[in-house]
Amino acid sequence: MDRAQGAVRKSSRRGARFYLGMWLGVAGYWLVTLLGPATVENYATLAIGALVVAGFLYISRQRVYDRRHYRLTFSVTAAFVGTSVIGALYNMFLHPQEPAGPGWVVAGVLVALIASAPLLYGAVRIFRTTDDR
């Protein structure tokens, strides 16, 4: 019984690590996209794409799932898609091509944090349930 619980805990931690990696990557992507030069945006898109593929390959090795992790995945994914759409709409319609002044920098940082927040929330919730603080 302990061995099975350990396997479930280990797979849940793997999912939480994936969420943390995605959180860092997505926050960096939005910061580069909103505040960086245009040439770097293409490299950031390639990097986040590679991170997603590597993460899904890492996660695909899971054989067992914790019930809470399984239920949390759908809400985190839905919230992440929603906040990403909000970030994309901000980038397309509200963010200027050449942001000038600290107000645009603050807005860009807030959009980056809001767009990546569901991933951090999911990672923290999973780590708390697996007693891996």
Protein backbone atom coordinates (compact mmCIF):
# COMPACT_ATOMS: atom_id res chain seq x y z
CA MET A 1 0.00 0.00 0.00
CA ASP A 2 2.80 2.43 0.87
CA ARG A 3 4.53 1.65 -2.39
CA ALA A 4 1.41 2.50 -4.41
CA GLN A 5 0.87 5.74 -2.49
CA GLY A 6 4.51 6.65 -3.12
CA ALA A 7 4.06 6.10 -6.86
CA VAL A 8 0.95 8.29 -6.88
CA ARG A 9 2.74 10.99 -4.89
CA LYS A 10 5.73 10.85 -7.21
CA SER A 11 3.60 11.23 -10.33
CA SER A 12 1.73 14.16 -8.77
CA ARG A 13 5.02 15.89 -7.98
CA ARG A 14 6.05 15.37 -11.59
CA GLY A 15 2.91 17.22 -12.68
CA ALA A 16 3.59 20.00 -10.19
CA ARG A 17 7.13 20.37 -11.52
CA PHE A 18 5.68 20.62 -15.02
CA TYR A 19 3.37 23.41 -13.86
CA LEU A 20 6.29 25.24 -12.23
CA GLY A 21 8.40 24.97 -15.37
CA MET A 22 5.53 26.18 -17.49
CA TRP A 23 4.89 29.03 -15.06
CA LEU A 24 8.47 30.26 -15.38
CA GLY A 25 8.46 29.80 -19.15
CA VAL A 26 5.10 31.48 -19.71
CA ALA A 27 5.93 34.43 -17.43
CA GLY A 28 9.23 34.88 -19.28
CA TYR A 29 7.48 34.58 -22.63
CA TRP A 30 4.95 37.29 -21.81
CA LEU A 31 7.65 39.59 -20.42
CA VAL A 32 9.75 39.19 -23.56
CA THR A 33 6.75 39.54 -25.84
CA LEU A 34 5.43 42.66 -24.16
CA LEU A 35 8.66 44.40 -23.14
CA GLY A 36 11.40 42.99 -25.38
CA PRO A 37 12.48 43.80 -28.91
CA ALA A 38 10.53 42.33 -31.83
CA THR A 39 13.35 40.02 -32.94
CA VAL A 40 13.45 38.27 -29.57
CA GLU A 41 9.72 37.49 -29.68
CA ASN A 42 10.26 34.84 -32.36
CA TYR A 43 12.89 33.08 -30.26
CA ALA A 44 10.64 33.26 -27.22
CA THR A 45 7.83 31.59 -29.17
CA LEU A 46 10.16 28.78 -30.24
CA ALA A 47 11.45 28.35 -26.69
CA ILE A 48 7.99 28.15 -25.13
CA GLY A 49 6.95 25.66 -27.81
CA ALA A 50 9.95 23.47 -27.04
CA LEU A 51 9.19 23.74 -23.32
CA VAL A 52 5.61 22.59 -23.85
CA VAL A 53 6.65 19.60 -25.97
CA ALA A 54 9.36 18.59 -23.49
CA GLY A 55 6.92 18.96 -20.62
CA PHE A 56 4.29 16.80 -22.25
CA LEU A 57 6.89 14.12 -22.95
CA TYR A 58 7.95 14.32 -19.31
CA ILE A 59 4.36 14.06 -18.10
CA SER A 60 3.45 11.24 -20.49
CA ARG A 61 5.59 8.85 -18.43
CA GLN A 62 3.02 8.97 -15.65
CA ARG A 63 1.23 5.73 -15.03
CA VAL A 64 -0.90 6.71 -12.04
CA TYR A 65 -2.75 9.88 -11.12
CA ASP A 66 -3.77 11.37 -7.83
CA ARG A 67 -7.50 12.12 -7.75
CA ARG A 68 -7.00 15.76 -6.75
CA HIS A 69 -4.34 16.24 -9.41
CA TYR A 70 -6.66 14.77 -12.01
CA ARG A 71 -9.51 17.12 -11.06
CA LEU A 72 -7.21 20.14 -10.74
CA THR A 73 -5.79 19.67 -14.24
CA PHE A 74 -9.02 20.68 -15.95
CA SER A 75 -9.57 23.84 -13.90
CA VAL A 76 -5.93 24.93 -14.22
CA THR A 77 -6.00 24.35 -17.98
CA ALA A 78 -9.25 26.27 -18.42
CA ALA A 79 -8.01 29.18 -16.29
CA PHE A 80 -4.67 29.21 -18.12
CA VAL A 81 -6.35 29.31 -21.53
CA GLY A 82 -8.61 32.13 -20.33
CA THR A 83 -5.78 34.24 -18.93
CA SER A 84 -3.68 33.59 -22.04
CA VAL A 85 -6.52 34.83 -24.24
CA ILE A 86 -6.77 37.94 -22.08
CA GLY A 87 -3.02 38.49 -22.45
CA ALA A 88 -3.20 38.01 -26.20
CA LEU A 89 -6.10 40.45 -26.51
CA TYR A 90 -4.17 42.99 -24.45
CA ASN A 91 -1.12 42.51 -26.67
CA MET A 92 -3.13 42.89 -29.89
CA PHE A 93 -5.37 45.81 -29.01
CA LEU A 94 -4.07 47.77 -26.01
CA HIS A 95 -0.30 47.43 -25.88
CA PRO A 96 1.57 49.96 -28.07
CA GLN A 97 4.26 48.85 -30.53
CA GLU A 98 6.90 50.92 -28.76
CA PRO A 99 5.96 51.17 -25.07
CA ALA A 100 7.36 54.30 -23.46
CA GLY A 101 7.20 55.08 -19.79
CA PRO A 102 6.94 53.08 -16.62
CA GLY A 103 3.16 52.70 -16.86
CA TRP A 104 3.47 50.33 -19.82
CA VAL A 105 6.18 48.34 -18.08
CA VAL A 106 3.97 47.86 -15.02
CA ALA A 107 1.06 46.85 -17.26
CA GLY A 108 3.26 44.34 -19.10
CA VAL A 109 4.50 42.79 -15.85
CA LEU A 110 0.93 42.54 -14.54
CA VAL A 111 -0.25 40.85 -17.72
CA ALA A 112 2.66 38.39 -17.51
CA LEU A 113 1.85 37.56 -13.89
CA ILE A 114 -1.88 37.24 -14.49
CA ALA A 115 -1.42 35.06 -17.59
CA SER A 116 0.87 32.64 -15.75
CA ALA A 117 -0.87 32.64 -12.35
CA PRO A 118 -3.06 29.53 -12.91
CA LEU A 119 0.07 27.41 -13.45
CA LEU A 120 1.63 28.58 -10.20
CA TYR A 121 -1.65 27.99 -8.39
CA GLY A 122 -1.84 24.44 -9.74
CA ALA A 123 1.74 23.67 -8.74
CA VAL A 124 1.27 24.99 -5.21
CA ARG A 125 -1.97 23.05 -4.72
CA ILE A 126 -0.40 19.80 -5.91
CA PHE A 127 2.72 20.25 -3.79
CA ARG A 128 0.56 20.91 -0.74
CA THR A 129 -1.49 17.75 -1.25
CA THR A 130 1.63 15.61 -1.65
CA ASP A 131 3.26 17.09 1.48
CA ASP A 132 6.23 18.26 -0.58
CA ARG A 133 6.73 21.81 0.69
